[in-house]
Amino acid sequence: MDFKINRANAENEASQLGIEYASRNNTAFNRCKDLDRRIKRYDVLISDLSTKAIKNSGYNDLVRKYSAERLELQKPFAQQDCKNTIEFEKLEESADILGKGFSQYELDILEKSRKEQNKLYIIGAVVLVFGAYIIIR
């Protein structure tokens, strides 16, 4: 009984992979991201089923089926050069984050410099007034 429930759950999870992909935006990056996510989920599913297949050989056909489906996903992933597309997008995102971070650091440094400069102006003015008072007196 437990075997049938586990098998049905695995088949249901695999069928959900196709539904999620169809509802996504169709840009190259989103297609690649979805393919990558689906391949990873198949990896997890196949790994889980392989572990179960060691105990019960009834899962071997599912492992073969999902391995073939995973292989079919890997073909468009390679044809669309998704690895480079995803890496490029990650690099752009990192550069954007770093750019924003550095501009914030730059503003913080400028603000600290202005405060220090204003403090020195005030000290200089006090010294000048005090010196003028001593000379005039």
Protein backbone atom coordinates (compact mmCIF):
# COMPACT_ATOMS: atom_id res chain seq x y z
CA MET A 1 0.00 0.00 0.00
CA ASP A 2 2.78 2.42 1.00
CA PHE A 3 4.59 1.60 -2.26
CA LYS A 4 1.54 2.60 -4.35
CA ILE A 5 1.10 5.88 -2.45
CA ASN A 6 4.79 6.76 -2.82
CA ARG A 7 4.70 5.89 -6.50
CA ALA A 8 1.59 8.02 -7.05
CA ASN A 9 3.19 10.94 -5.19
CA ALA A 10 6.30 10.70 -7.37
CA GLU A 11 4.25 10.63 -10.56
CA ASN A 12 2.15 13.58 -9.36
CA GLU A 13 5.28 15.61 -8.52
CA ALA A 14 6.78 14.91 -11.93
CA SER A 15 3.57 15.92 -13.69
CA GLN A 16 3.59 19.25 -11.81
CA LEU A 17 6.96 20.10 -13.37
CA GLY A 18 5.40 20.50 -16.82
CA ILE A 19 2.50 22.64 -15.57
CA GLU A 20 4.78 25.14 -13.84
CA TYR A 21 6.89 25.60 -16.96
CA ALA A 22 3.93 26.40 -19.18
CA SER A 23 2.79 29.27 -16.96
CA ARG A 24 6.08 31.18 -16.95
CA ASN A 25 7.18 34.25 -18.86
CA ASN A 26 8.81 33.38 -22.17
CA THR A 27 12.07 35.39 -22.15
CA ALA A 28 15.28 33.46 -22.81
CA PHE A 29 16.46 33.87 -19.23
CA ASN A 30 13.13 32.74 -17.76
CA ARG A 31 13.01 29.72 -20.09
CA CYS A 32 16.54 28.78 -19.05
CA LYS A 33 15.81 29.38 -15.39
CA ASP A 34 12.72 27.18 -15.58
CA LEU A 35 14.60 24.44 -17.40
CA ASP A 36 17.35 24.57 -14.80
CA ARG A 37 14.86 24.44 -11.93
CA ARG A 38 13.00 21.53 -13.52
CA ILE A 39 16.24 19.60 -14.13
CA LYS A 40 17.24 20.11 -10.49
CA ARG A 41 13.84 18.92 -9.30
CA TYR A 42 14.16 15.84 -11.50
CA ASP A 43 17.59 15.24 -9.96
CA VAL A 44 16.05 15.27 -6.49
CA LEU A 45 13.14 13.10 -7.58
CA ILE A 46 15.43 10.57 -9.29
CA SER A 47 17.72 10.52 -6.27
CA ASP A 48 14.81 9.84 -3.92
CA LEU A 49 13.42 7.14 -6.17
CA SER A 50 16.85 5.56 -6.58
CA THR A 51 17.14 5.31 -2.81
CA LYS A 52 13.74 3.67 -2.67
CA ALA A 53 14.64 1.41 -5.61
CA ILE A 54 17.46 -0.10 -3.57
CA LYS A 55 14.86 -1.36 -1.09
CA ASN A 56 12.10 -2.14 -3.60
CA SER A 57 12.76 -2.80 -7.27
CA GLY A 58 9.30 -1.49 -8.17
CA TYR A 59 10.73 2.00 -8.54
CA ASN A 60 13.28 1.14 -11.24
CA ASP A 61 10.85 1.84 -14.09
CA LEU A 62 10.11 5.30 -12.63
CA VAL A 63 13.81 6.04 -12.28
CA ARG A 64 14.34 5.15 -15.95
CA LYS A 65 11.26 7.14 -17.04
CA TYR A 66 12.25 10.29 -15.13
CA SER A 67 15.88 9.95 -16.16
CA ALA A 68 14.73 9.96 -19.78
CA GLU A 69 12.52 13.01 -19.15
CA ARG A 70 15.44 14.76 -17.45
CA LEU A 71 17.61 13.98 -20.47
CA GLU A 72 14.95 15.50 -22.74
CA LEU A 73 15.09 18.69 -20.64
CA GLN A 74 18.87 18.79 -20.84
CA LYS A 75 18.79 18.91 -24.65
CA PRO A 76 17.05 22.32 -24.95
CA PHE A 77 19.08 23.52 -21.96
CA ALA A 78 22.27 22.83 -23.91
CA GLN A 79 20.88 23.98 -27.29
CA GLN A 80 19.75 27.34 -25.89
CA ASP A 81 23.11 27.85 -24.17
CA CYS A 82 21.26 28.22 -20.88
CA LYS A 83 24.34 27.74 -18.74
CA ASN A 84 25.92 30.89 -20.15
CA THR A 85 22.60 32.78 -20.12
CA ILE A 86 22.08 32.05 -16.43
CA GLU A 87 25.71 32.83 -15.55
CA PHE A 88 25.56 36.12 -17.47
CA GLU A 89 22.35 37.11 -15.68
CA LYS A 90 23.90 36.29 -12.30
CA LEU A 91 26.98 38.34 -13.16
CA GLU A 92 24.85 41.31 -14.21
CA GLU A 93 22.84 41.04 -11.02
CA SER A 94 26.02 40.88 -8.93
CA ALA A 95 27.49 43.86 -10.74
CA ASP A 96 24.29 45.82 -10.16
CA ILE A 97 24.31 44.97 -6.46
CA LEU A 98 27.98 45.87 -6.17
CA GLY A 99 27.42 49.14 -8.04
CA LYS A 100 24.60 50.12 -5.72
CA GLY A 101 26.64 49.07 -2.69
CA PHE A 102 29.69 51.04 -3.76
CA SER A 103 27.64 54.16 -4.48
CA GLN A 104 26.11 53.89 -1.01
CA TYR A 105 29.59 53.50 0.52
CA GLU A 106 30.75 56.49 -1.48
CA LEU A 107 27.88 58.60 -0.14
CA ASP A 108 28.64 57.46 3.40
CA ILE A 109 32.31 58.38 3.03
CA LEU A 110 31.44 61.80 1.54
CA GLU A 111 29.02 62.49 4.37
CA LYS A 112 31.65 61.59 6.98
CA SER A 113 34.19 63.77 5.17
CA ARG A 114 31.78 66.72 5.15
CA LYS A 115 31.14 66.33 8.87
CA GLU A 116 34.87 66.19 9.57
CA GLN A 117 35.46 69.21 7.36
CA ASN A 118 32.71 71.22 9.09
CA LYS A 119 34.16 70.28 12.47
CA LEU A 120 37.59 71.56 11.37
CA TYR A 121 36.03 74.80 10.09
CA ILE A 122 34.38 75.38 13.47
CA ILE A 123 37.61 74.64 15.36
CA GLY A 124 39.49 76.98 13.02
CA ALA A 125 36.93 79.73 13.54
CA VAL A 126 37.11 79.34 17.32
CA VAL A 127 40.92 79.50 17.22
CA LEU A 128 40.79 82.56 14.96
CA VAL A 129 38.31 84.36 17.20
CA PHE A 130 40.31 83.44 20.30
CA GLY A 131 43.56 84.64 18.65
CA ALA A 132 41.92 87.90 17.61
CA TYR A 133 40.66 88.37 21.17
CA ILE A 134 44.16 87.86 22.59
CA ILE A 135 45.73 90.29 20.09
CA ILE A 136 43.07 92.98 20.61
CA ARG A 137 43.25 92.79 24.36
